[in-house]
N, C-alpha and C. Protein backbone atom coordinates (compact mmCIF):
# COMPACT_ATOMS: atom_id res chain seq x y z
N MET A 1 46.47 -75.27 -38.25
CA MET A 1 45.17 -75.20 -38.08
C MET A 1 44.97 -75.59 -36.51
N VAL A 2 44.25 -75.02 -35.70
CA VAL A 2 44.16 -75.31 -34.29
C VAL A 2 42.73 -76.00 -34.04
N SER A 3 42.80 -77.00 -33.39
CA SER A 3 41.34 -77.51 -33.13
C SER A 3 41.04 -77.61 -31.56
N PHE A 4 39.67 -77.30 -31.32
CA PHE A 4 39.27 -77.31 -29.80
C PHE A 4 38.58 -78.41 -29.57
N THR A 5 38.89 -79.13 -28.35
CA THR A 5 38.25 -80.29 -28.04
C THR A 5 36.97 -79.99 -27.24
N THR A 6 36.87 -79.21 -26.39
CA THR A 6 35.79 -78.81 -25.39
C THR A 6 35.61 -77.49 -25.50
N THR A 7 34.36 -77.09 -24.91
CA THR A 7 33.82 -75.70 -25.03
C THR A 7 34.85 -74.84 -23.86
N ASN A 8 35.40 -75.44 -23.02
CA ASN A 8 36.48 -75.01 -22.06
C ASN A 8 37.52 -74.37 -22.76
N ASP A 9 37.98 -74.80 -24.07
CA ASP A 9 38.85 -74.32 -24.67
C ASP A 9 38.51 -72.99 -25.48
N LEU A 10 37.21 -72.96 -25.89
CA LEU A 10 36.83 -71.89 -26.46
C LEU A 10 36.36 -70.50 -25.72
N TYR A 11 35.96 -70.98 -24.43
CA TYR A 11 35.55 -70.07 -23.21
C TYR A 11 36.19 -70.26 -22.18
N PRO A 12 37.59 -69.79 -21.82
CA PRO A 12 38.09 -70.16 -20.48
C PRO A 12 37.37 -69.28 -19.42
N SER A 13 37.24 -69.93 -18.27
CA SER A 13 36.35 -69.42 -17.28
C SER A 13 37.16 -68.29 -16.57
N ALA A 14 38.44 -68.38 -16.52
CA ALA A 14 39.13 -67.21 -15.72
C ALA A 14 39.63 -66.22 -16.77
N LEU A 15 39.24 -64.96 -16.61
CA LEU A 15 39.71 -63.85 -17.47
C LEU A 15 41.17 -63.39 -17.04
N PRO A 16 41.85 -62.94 -17.88
CA PRO A 16 43.11 -62.25 -17.51
C PRO A 16 42.69 -61.09 -16.65
N HIS A 17 43.68 -60.66 -15.79
CA HIS A 17 43.48 -59.74 -15.02
C HIS A 17 43.17 -58.26 -15.34
N ASN A 18 43.69 -57.99 -16.51
CA ASN A 18 43.44 -56.74 -17.18
C ASN A 18 42.25 -56.64 -17.88
N MET A 19 41.32 -57.66 -18.10
CA MET A 19 40.09 -57.69 -19.00
C MET A 19 38.92 -57.25 -17.87
N ALA A 20 38.00 -56.60 -18.30
CA ALA A 20 36.75 -56.16 -17.31
C ALA A 20 35.78 -57.34 -17.67
N LYS A 21 35.24 -57.69 -16.70
CA LYS A 21 34.01 -58.75 -16.83
C LYS A 21 32.76 -57.86 -17.10
N ARG A 22 32.04 -58.51 -18.08
CA ARG A 22 30.64 -57.99 -18.37
C ARG A 22 29.86 -58.11 -17.29
N GLU A 23 29.10 -57.08 -17.05
CA GLU A 23 28.05 -57.24 -16.12
C GLU A 23 26.67 -57.47 -16.49
N ASN A 24 26.40 -57.29 -17.76
CA ASN A 24 25.05 -57.80 -18.22
C ASN A 24 25.08 -57.83 -19.75
N ASP A 25 24.69 -59.12 -20.51
CA ASP A 25 24.89 -59.01 -22.14
C ASP A 25 23.71 -58.32 -22.59
N ASN A 26 22.50 -58.16 -21.92
CA ASN A 26 21.17 -57.64 -22.59
C ASN A 26 20.83 -56.15 -22.06
N LEU A 27 22.01 -55.32 -22.36
CA LEU A 27 21.45 -54.10 -22.15
C LEU A 27 21.41 -53.26 -23.40
N ASN A 28 20.42 -52.27 -23.47
CA ASN A 28 20.26 -51.51 -24.72
C ASN A 28 21.31 -50.35 -24.67
N MET A 29 21.35 -49.66 -25.79
CA MET A 29 22.42 -48.78 -25.92
C MET A 29 22.39 -47.61 -24.68
N LYS A 30 20.96 -47.07 -24.50
CA LYS A 30 20.71 -46.03 -23.69
C LYS A 30 21.30 -46.59 -22.15
N GLU A 31 20.93 -47.74 -21.84
CA GLU A 31 21.13 -48.09 -20.62
C GLU A 31 22.74 -48.45 -20.36
N ALA A 32 23.28 -48.76 -21.36
CA ALA A 32 24.85 -49.21 -21.44
C ALA A 32 25.53 -47.62 -21.21
N LEU A 33 25.05 -46.75 -21.99
CA LEU A 33 25.63 -45.32 -21.89
C LEU A 33 25.60 -44.75 -20.56
N SER A 34 24.18 -45.06 -20.04
CA SER A 34 23.92 -44.53 -18.59
C SER A 34 24.87 -45.06 -17.66
N ALA A 35 25.10 -46.37 -17.51
CA ALA A 35 25.85 -47.15 -16.70
C ALA A 35 27.13 -46.62 -16.96
N PHE A 36 27.65 -46.54 -17.99
CA PHE A 36 29.07 -45.98 -18.22
C PHE A 36 29.45 -44.60 -17.56
N ILE A 37 28.29 -43.79 -17.90
CA ILE A 37 28.43 -42.38 -17.30
C ILE A 37 28.42 -42.48 -15.70
N GLN A 38 27.47 -43.21 -15.35
CA GLN A 38 27.58 -43.41 -13.79
C GLN A 38 28.70 -43.90 -13.38
N LYS A 39 29.23 -45.08 -13.64
CA LYS A 39 30.23 -45.68 -13.35
C LYS A 39 31.51 -44.95 -13.21
N ASN A 40 31.83 -44.12 -14.23
CA ASN A 40 32.81 -43.31 -14.47
C ASN A 40 32.81 -41.68 -14.07
N LYS A 41 31.80 -41.59 -13.46
CA LYS A 41 31.42 -40.33 -12.82
C LYS A 41 31.35 -39.07 -13.86
N LEU A 42 30.94 -39.13 -14.88
CA LEU A 42 31.11 -38.37 -16.04
C LEU A 42 29.83 -37.37 -16.02
N GLN A 43 28.80 -37.59 -15.04
CA GLN A 43 27.66 -36.83 -15.05
C GLN A 43 27.69 -35.42 -15.22
N GLY A 44 28.73 -34.72 -14.30
CA GLY A 44 28.92 -33.44 -14.13
C GLY A 44 29.44 -32.88 -15.65
N GLY A 45 30.20 -33.46 -16.22
CA GLY A 45 30.59 -33.05 -17.68
C GLY A 45 29.49 -33.03 -18.66
N MET A 46 28.86 -34.13 -18.48
CA MET A 46 27.61 -34.23 -19.47
C MET A 46 26.54 -33.17 -19.31
N ASP A 47 26.30 -32.78 -17.85
CA ASP A 47 25.45 -31.62 -17.53
C ASP A 47 25.98 -30.30 -18.14
N LYS A 48 27.21 -30.18 -18.22
CA LYS A 48 27.80 -28.81 -18.75
C LYS A 48 27.66 -28.68 -20.20
N VAL A 49 27.85 -29.89 -20.96
CA VAL A 49 27.64 -30.04 -22.28
C VAL A 49 26.19 -29.66 -22.84
N ASP A 50 25.32 -30.39 -21.98
CA ASP A 50 23.72 -30.36 -22.05
C ASP A 50 23.26 -28.85 -21.77
N ALA A 51 24.03 -28.18 -20.98
CA ALA A 51 23.56 -26.81 -20.58
C ALA A 51 24.21 -25.83 -21.91
N ARG A 52 25.15 -26.20 -22.23
CA ARG A 52 25.65 -25.35 -23.52
C ARG A 52 24.73 -25.61 -24.70
N ALA A 53 24.37 -26.87 -24.88
CA ALA A 53 23.54 -27.13 -25.92
C ALA A 53 21.97 -26.33 -25.95
N ALA A 54 21.50 -26.52 -24.65
CA ALA A 54 20.29 -25.84 -24.52
C ALA A 54 20.29 -24.64 -24.58
N TRP A 55 21.29 -23.70 -24.06
CA TRP A 55 21.41 -22.36 -24.40
C TRP A 55 21.41 -21.87 -25.73
N VAL A 56 22.08 -22.64 -26.71
CA VAL A 56 22.36 -22.43 -28.04
C VAL A 56 20.89 -22.69 -28.61
N SER A 57 20.27 -23.91 -28.45
CA SER A 57 18.98 -24.19 -29.03
C SER A 57 17.96 -23.20 -28.46
N LEU A 58 17.76 -22.53 -27.40
CA LEU A 58 16.75 -21.87 -26.97
C LEU A 58 16.97 -20.16 -27.27
N MET A 59 18.27 -19.84 -27.29
CA MET A 59 18.48 -18.43 -27.54
C MET A 59 18.38 -18.08 -29.08
N GLY A 60 18.63 -18.99 -30.03
CA GLY A 60 18.61 -18.64 -31.41
C GLY A 60 19.63 -17.99 -31.79
N ASN A 61 19.99 -17.64 -32.95
CA ASN A 61 21.27 -16.92 -33.83
C ASN A 61 21.43 -15.62 -33.19
N GLY A 62 20.36 -14.84 -32.91
CA GLY A 62 20.71 -13.61 -32.70
C GLY A 62 21.19 -13.32 -31.43
N VAL A 63 21.12 -14.24 -30.32
CA VAL A 63 21.82 -14.25 -29.25
C VAL A 63 23.06 -14.91 -29.32
N ASN A 64 22.98 -15.96 -29.92
CA ASN A 64 24.41 -16.74 -30.04
C ASN A 64 25.67 -16.10 -30.81
N ASN A 65 25.01 -15.20 -31.63
CA ASN A 65 26.00 -14.44 -32.35
C ASN A 65 26.81 -13.59 -31.47
N TYR A 66 26.45 -13.23 -30.25
CA TYR A 66 27.01 -12.36 -29.35
C TYR A 66 27.46 -13.21 -28.13
N THR A 67 27.21 -14.43 -28.05
CA THR A 67 27.58 -15.23 -26.92
C THR A 67 29.14 -15.59 -27.21
N THR A 68 30.07 -15.36 -26.09
CA THR A 68 31.40 -15.77 -26.36
C THR A 68 31.77 -16.99 -25.57
N ALA A 69 31.25 -17.24 -24.41
CA ALA A 69 31.26 -18.36 -23.54
C ALA A 69 30.36 -18.76 -22.85
N ILE A 70 30.14 -19.96 -22.50
CA ILE A 70 29.11 -20.60 -21.52
C ILE A 70 29.80 -21.65 -20.81
N GLU A 71 29.34 -21.34 -19.51
CA GLU A 71 30.28 -22.48 -18.55
C GLU A 71 29.17 -22.67 -17.28
N LEU A 72 29.05 -24.10 -17.11
CA LEU A 72 28.10 -24.32 -15.84
C LEU A 72 29.08 -24.74 -14.91
N LYS A 73 28.97 -23.90 -13.66
CA LYS A 73 29.56 -24.47 -12.49
C LYS A 73 28.58 -24.50 -11.41
N ASN A 74 28.70 -25.75 -10.88
CA ASN A 74 27.57 -26.13 -9.70
C ASN A 74 26.21 -26.05 -10.25
N ASP A 75 25.55 -24.88 -9.85
CA ASP A 75 24.21 -24.68 -10.55
C ASP A 75 24.05 -23.33 -10.89
N ILE A 76 25.11 -22.74 -11.16
CA ILE A 76 25.29 -21.39 -11.83
C ILE A 76 25.70 -21.44 -13.37
N LEU A 77 24.82 -21.05 -14.07
CA LEU A 77 25.44 -20.93 -15.73
C LEU A 77 25.69 -19.38 -15.91
N TYR A 78 27.27 -19.39 -16.32
CA TYR A 78 27.89 -18.24 -16.56
C TYR A 78 27.97 -18.21 -18.10
N VAL A 79 27.33 -16.85 -18.66
CA VAL A 79 27.38 -16.73 -19.96
C VAL A 79 28.07 -15.31 -20.24
N SER A 80 28.94 -15.21 -21.11
CA SER A 80 29.73 -14.20 -21.57
C SER A 80 29.12 -13.60 -22.70
N LEU A 81 28.78 -12.38 -22.77
CA LEU A 81 28.29 -11.76 -24.00
C LEU A 81 29.13 -10.64 -24.51
N SER A 82 29.29 -10.45 -25.67
CA SER A 82 29.99 -9.31 -26.28
C SER A 82 29.26 -7.99 -26.40
N SER A 83 27.85 -8.03 -26.19
CA SER A 83 27.01 -6.74 -26.29
C SER A 83 26.54 -6.41 -24.96
N SER A 84 26.89 -5.32 -24.53
CA SER A 84 26.26 -4.95 -23.12
C SER A 84 24.82 -4.54 -23.35
N VAL A 85 24.39 -4.08 -24.33
CA VAL A 85 22.83 -3.88 -24.48
C VAL A 85 22.20 -5.18 -24.58
N LEU A 86 22.70 -6.15 -25.14
CA LEU A 86 21.82 -7.67 -25.03
C LEU A 86 22.07 -8.22 -23.64
N ARG A 87 23.22 -7.98 -23.05
CA ARG A 87 23.50 -8.34 -21.62
C ARG A 87 22.26 -7.72 -20.86
N GLU A 88 22.19 -6.49 -20.80
CA GLU A 88 21.21 -5.83 -20.08
C GLU A 88 19.67 -6.29 -20.35
N GLU A 89 19.38 -6.39 -21.82
CA GLU A 89 18.01 -7.05 -22.11
C GLU A 89 17.76 -8.30 -21.50
N LEU A 90 18.57 -9.23 -21.64
CA LEU A 90 18.60 -10.78 -21.08
C LEU A 90 18.62 -10.69 -19.39
N SER A 91 19.19 -9.61 -18.98
CA SER A 91 19.15 -9.58 -17.30
C SER A 91 17.61 -9.42 -16.86
N LEU A 92 17.00 -8.96 -17.65
CA LEU A 92 15.49 -8.46 -17.15
C LEU A 92 14.70 -9.85 -17.30
N GLY A 93 15.08 -10.87 -18.05
CA GLY A 93 14.36 -12.10 -18.14
C GLY A 93 15.06 -13.42 -17.74
N THR A 94 15.76 -13.15 -16.65
CA THR A 94 16.76 -14.44 -16.24
C THR A 94 16.01 -15.36 -15.64
N SER A 95 15.09 -15.16 -14.84
CA SER A 95 13.97 -16.08 -14.20
C SER A 95 13.25 -16.78 -15.24
N LYS A 96 12.72 -16.33 -16.31
CA LYS A 96 12.24 -17.07 -17.63
C LYS A 96 13.13 -17.95 -18.25
N ILE A 97 14.34 -17.32 -18.51
CA ILE A 97 15.47 -18.21 -19.18
C ILE A 97 15.59 -19.47 -18.49
N ILE A 98 15.88 -19.35 -17.12
CA ILE A 98 16.20 -20.34 -16.16
C ILE A 98 15.21 -21.48 -16.19
N THR A 99 13.92 -20.97 -16.49
CA THR A 99 12.69 -22.08 -16.38
C THR A 99 12.71 -22.76 -17.72
N MET A 100 13.16 -22.05 -18.81
CA MET A 100 13.22 -22.64 -20.26
C MET A 100 14.24 -23.55 -20.25
N LEU A 101 15.56 -23.03 -19.78
CA LEU A 101 16.52 -23.92 -19.84
C LEU A 101 16.27 -25.39 -19.07
N ASN A 102 15.83 -25.15 -17.92
CA ASN A 102 15.60 -26.30 -16.89
C ASN A 102 14.52 -27.36 -17.62
N GLU A 103 13.37 -26.70 -18.38
CA GLU A 103 12.61 -27.73 -19.09
C GLU A 103 13.37 -28.29 -20.25
N GLU A 104 14.00 -27.74 -20.93
CA GLU A 104 14.82 -28.20 -22.11
C GLU A 104 15.71 -29.37 -21.70
N LEU A 105 16.38 -29.08 -20.36
CA LEU A 105 17.10 -30.04 -19.74
C LEU A 105 16.54 -31.25 -19.30
N GLY A 106 15.27 -30.99 -18.81
CA GLY A 106 14.57 -32.14 -18.28
C GLY A 106 14.78 -32.24 -16.77
N LYS A 107 15.48 -31.51 -16.04
CA LYS A 107 15.83 -31.49 -14.65
C LYS A 107 16.18 -30.04 -14.29
N ASN A 108 16.08 -29.76 -13.00
CA ASN A 108 16.49 -28.44 -12.36
C ASN A 108 18.07 -28.38 -12.30
N LEU A 109 18.69 -28.06 -13.26
CA LEU A 109 20.08 -28.03 -13.27
C LEU A 109 20.72 -26.76 -13.04
N VAL A 110 19.81 -25.71 -13.52
CA VAL A 110 20.37 -24.05 -13.53
C VAL A 110 19.44 -23.53 -12.48
N ARG A 111 20.21 -22.84 -11.37
CA ARG A 111 19.45 -22.00 -10.55
C ARG A 111 19.66 -20.67 -10.71
N LYS A 112 20.81 -20.28 -11.19
CA LYS A 112 20.99 -18.72 -11.47
C LYS A 112 21.88 -18.71 -12.61
N ILE A 113 21.72 -17.45 -13.26
CA ILE A 113 22.37 -17.25 -14.47
C ILE A 113 23.19 -15.90 -14.31
N VAL A 114 24.36 -16.00 -14.44
CA VAL A 114 25.43 -14.82 -14.39
C VAL A 114 25.72 -14.30 -15.85
N LEU A 115 25.37 -13.21 -16.04
CA LEU A 115 25.84 -12.57 -17.48
C LEU A 115 26.75 -11.67 -17.52
N ARG A 116 27.83 -11.96 -18.11
CA ARG A 116 29.08 -11.23 -18.03
C ARG A 116 29.68 -10.55 -19.50
C-alpha cells in the first residue's frame, strides 16, 4: 500500500515533457472541439465534410442517386454526376444551389459549382 504525505505527492508540479498541459478546465464540449480544430488546423477538412453533408441533405434522394463524387477545393464545389440530363438541369440553377448550400453551412464557403 502506498501512502501520500502531502498534496505535492498527489499532484506533482512538473509535468513530464511528453504530457500536454491543460489550458482551461472549464470548457464545454463545443468550445473544446473548436479549440482542437483550430489548434490542429483541421478547419479545411471539416469544411469539406460539411459541404458534402449539405449537398446530400439539400439535394435529396433523386439527385444523390446520380451523384458519384463531391469535392470542395478552395471555394469551388466539384460534383460528379452520372446523368448528363441531370447535370444540364442543375447547371441552370447553380446560383440558387450555391445560395442554399451557403445558408445550410452558415457561411460563404462555396462560391462556384462545377458539375462534371
